[in-house]
C-alpha atoms as a PDB file:
ATOM      1  CA  UNK A   1      12.445 -25.194 -11.754  1.00  0.00           C
ATOM      2  CA  UNK A   2       9.814 -23.127 -13.817  1.00  0.00           C
ATOM      3  CA  UNK A   3       6.771 -23.162 -11.108  1.00  0.00           C
ATOM      4  CA  UNK A   4       9.657 -21.839  -8.742  1.00  0.00           C
ATOM      5  CA  UNK A   5      10.426 -18.690 -10.791  1.00  0.00           C
ATOM      6  CA  UNK A   6       6.903 -18.077 -11.317  1.00  0.00           C
ATOM      7  CA  UNK A   7       5.689 -18.291  -7.697  1.00  0.00           C
ATOM      8  CA  UNK A   8       8.769 -15.763  -6.651  1.00  0.00           C
ATOM      9  CA  UNK A   9       8.152 -13.256  -9.486  1.00  0.00           C
ATOM     10  CA  UNK A  10       4.710 -13.059  -8.246  1.00  0.00           C
ATOM     11  CA  UNK A  11       5.900 -12.749  -4.910  1.00  0.00           C
ATOM     12  CA  UNK A  12       8.788 -10.257  -4.910  1.00  0.00           C
ATOM     13  CA  UNK A  13       7.466  -8.174  -8.764  1.00  0.00           C
ATOM     14  CA  UNK A  14       3.673  -8.871  -9.433  1.00  0.00           C
ATOM     15  CA  UNK A  15       3.460  -8.089 -12.820  1.00  0.00           C
ATOM     16  CA  UNK A  16       0.038  -6.113 -11.435  1.00  0.00           C
ATOM     17  CA  UNK A  17       2.772  -3.707  -9.188  1.00  0.00           C
ATOM     18  CA  UNK A  18       4.852  -2.355 -12.539  1.00  0.00           C
ATOM     19  CA  UNK A  19       4.071  -0.065 -14.965  1.00  0.00           C
ATOM     20  CA  UNK A  20       6.608   0.447 -17.682  1.00  0.00           C
ATOM     21  CA  UNK A  21      10.136   0.890 -15.868  1.00  0.00           C
ATOM     22  CA  UNK A  22       8.494   1.862 -12.351  1.00  0.00           C
ATOM     23  CA  UNK A  23       7.449  -0.531  -9.650  1.00  0.00           C
ATOM     24  CA  UNK A  24       4.959   0.686  -7.310  1.00  0.00           C
ATOM     25  CA  UNK A  25       6.624  -0.182  -4.098  1.00  0.00           C
ATOM     26  CA  UNK A  26       9.293   2.647  -5.747  1.00  0.00           C
ATOM     27  CA  UNK A  27       6.146   5.167  -6.159  1.00  0.00           C
ATOM     28  CA  UNK A  28       5.221   4.510  -2.781  1.00  0.00           C
ATOM     29  CA  UNK A  29       8.360   5.354  -1.352  1.00  0.00           C
ATOM     30  CA  UNK A  30       8.727   8.865  -2.500  1.00  0.00           C
ATOM     31  CA  UNK A  31       4.937   9.208  -2.137  1.00  0.00           C
ATOM     32  CA  UNK A  32       5.231   9.045   1.211  1.00  0.00           C
ATOM     33  CA  UNK A  33       8.528  10.109   2.021  1.00  0.00           C
ATOM     34  CA  UNK A  34       7.344  13.198   4.315  1.00  0.00           C
ATOM     35  CA  UNK A  35       4.304  10.982   5.655  1.00  0.00           C
ATOM     36  CA  UNK A  36       4.030   8.702   8.901  1.00  0.00           C
ATOM     37  CA  UNK A  37       2.125   6.933  10.711  1.00  0.00           C
ATOM     38  CA  UNK A  38      -2.275   6.558   9.031  1.00  0.00           C
ATOM     39  CA  UNK A  39      -1.326   9.562   6.812  1.00  0.00           C
ATOM     40  CA  UNK A  40       1.551   7.567   4.655  1.00  0.00           C
ATOM     41  CA  UNK A  41      -0.625   4.320   4.921  1.00  0.00           C
ATOM     42  CA  UNK A  42      -3.477   5.745   4.100  1.00  0.00           C
ATOM     43  CA  UNK A  43      -1.942   7.760   0.652  1.00  0.00           C
ATOM     44  CA  UNK A  44       0.073   4.617  -0.010  1.00  0.00           C
ATOM     45  CA  UNK A  45      -2.722   2.407  -0.051  1.00  0.00           C
ATOM     46  CA  UNK A  46      -4.627   4.555  -2.253  1.00  0.00           C
ATOM     47  CA  UNK A  47      -1.997   4.986  -4.446  1.00  0.00           C
ATOM     48  CA  UNK A  48      -1.149   1.441  -4.906  1.00  0.00           C
ATOM     49  CA  UNK A  49      -5.248  -0.020  -5.511  1.00  0.00           C
ATOM     50  CA  UNK A  50      -4.977   2.963  -8.060  1.00  0.00           C
ATOM     51  CA  UNK A  51      -1.824   1.446  -9.696  1.00  0.00           C
ATOM     52  CA  UNK A  52      -2.815  -1.817 -10.504  1.00  0.00           C
ATOM     53  CA  UNK A  53      -7.152  -1.196 -10.657  1.00  0.00           C
ATOM     54  CA  UNK A  54      -6.950  -2.209 -14.713  1.00  0.00           C
ATOM     55  CA  UNK A  55      -4.437  -5.289 -14.160  1.00  0.00           C
ATOM     56  CA  UNK A  56      -5.970  -6.730 -11.010  1.00  0.00           C
ATOM     57  CA  UNK A  57      -9.559  -5.913  -9.794  1.00  0.00           C
ATOM     58  CA  UNK A  58     -11.636  -3.433 -11.911  1.00  0.00           C
ATOM     59  CA  UNK A  59     -14.038  -0.930  -9.879  1.00  0.00           C
ATOM     60  CA  UNK A  60     -13.444  -3.224  -6.927  1.00  0.00           C
ATOM     61  CA  UNK A  61     -10.021  -1.591  -6.576  1.00  0.00           C
ATOM     62  CA  UNK A  62     -10.814   1.955  -7.362  1.00  0.00           C
ATOM     63  CA  UNK A  63     -13.364   1.481  -4.615  1.00  0.00           C
ATOM     64  CA  UNK A  64     -10.756   1.274  -2.305  1.00  0.00           C
ATOM     65  CA  UNK A  65      -8.881   3.440  -3.331  1.00  0.00           C
ATOM     66  CA  UNK A  66     -11.458   6.064  -2.660  1.00  0.00           C
ATOM     67  CA  UNK A  67     -12.051   4.879   1.333  1.00  0.00           C
ATOM     68  CA  UNK A  68      -8.686   5.390   2.080  1.00  0.00           C
ATOM     69  CA  UNK A  69      -8.897   8.371   0.670  1.00  0.00           C
ATOM     70  CA  UNK A  70     -11.710   9.406   2.783  1.00  0.00           C
ATOM     71  CA  UNK A  71     -10.908   8.267   5.630  1.00  0.00           C
ATOM     72  CA  UNK A  72      -7.566   9.963   5.284  1.00  0.00           C
ATOM     73  CA  UNK A  73      -9.783  13.003   5.031  1.00  0.00           C
ATOM     74  CA  UNK A  74     -11.917  12.419   7.691  1.00  0.00           C
ATOM     75  CA  UNK A  75      -8.589  12.258   9.906  1.00  0.00           C
ATOM     76  CA  UNK A  76      -7.453  15.569   8.721  1.00  0.00           C
ATOM     77  CA  UNK A  77     -10.625  16.772   9.563  1.00  0.00           C
ATOM     78  CA  UNK A  78     -10.484  15.767  13.029  1.00  0.00           C
ATOM     79  CA  UNK A  79     -13.454  12.914  12.534  1.00  0.00           C
ATOM     80  CA  UNK A  80     -12.725   9.112  12.995  1.00  0.00           C
ATOM     81  CA  UNK A  81     -10.696   9.434  15.776  1.00  0.00           C
ATOM     82  CA  UNK A  82      -8.454  11.660  14.501  1.00  0.00           C
ATOM     83  CA  UNK A  83      -6.605  13.850  13.854  1.00  0.00           C
ATOM     84  CA  UNK A  84      -3.689  12.049  14.933  1.00  0.00           C
ATOM     85  CA  UNK A  85      -0.295  13.526  14.699  1.00  0.00           C
END
């Protein structure tokens, strides 16, 4: 029985997505409320990797966050097939 609860917890509320009383999904909802499409996706992805870097993949997650930020900047500046609005 304990194993099932642990699996469900890992899917619904993984520890690396909880900081204090705040769950990452709730922070992402707030951070992207006025964004759509690739802007919302890149912003949420960057935040997600910053959120969990210390508990999960370390520097790899920091690099992923930078990648999403750079991709968003390129799109907003008109590069990488952008801007798309």
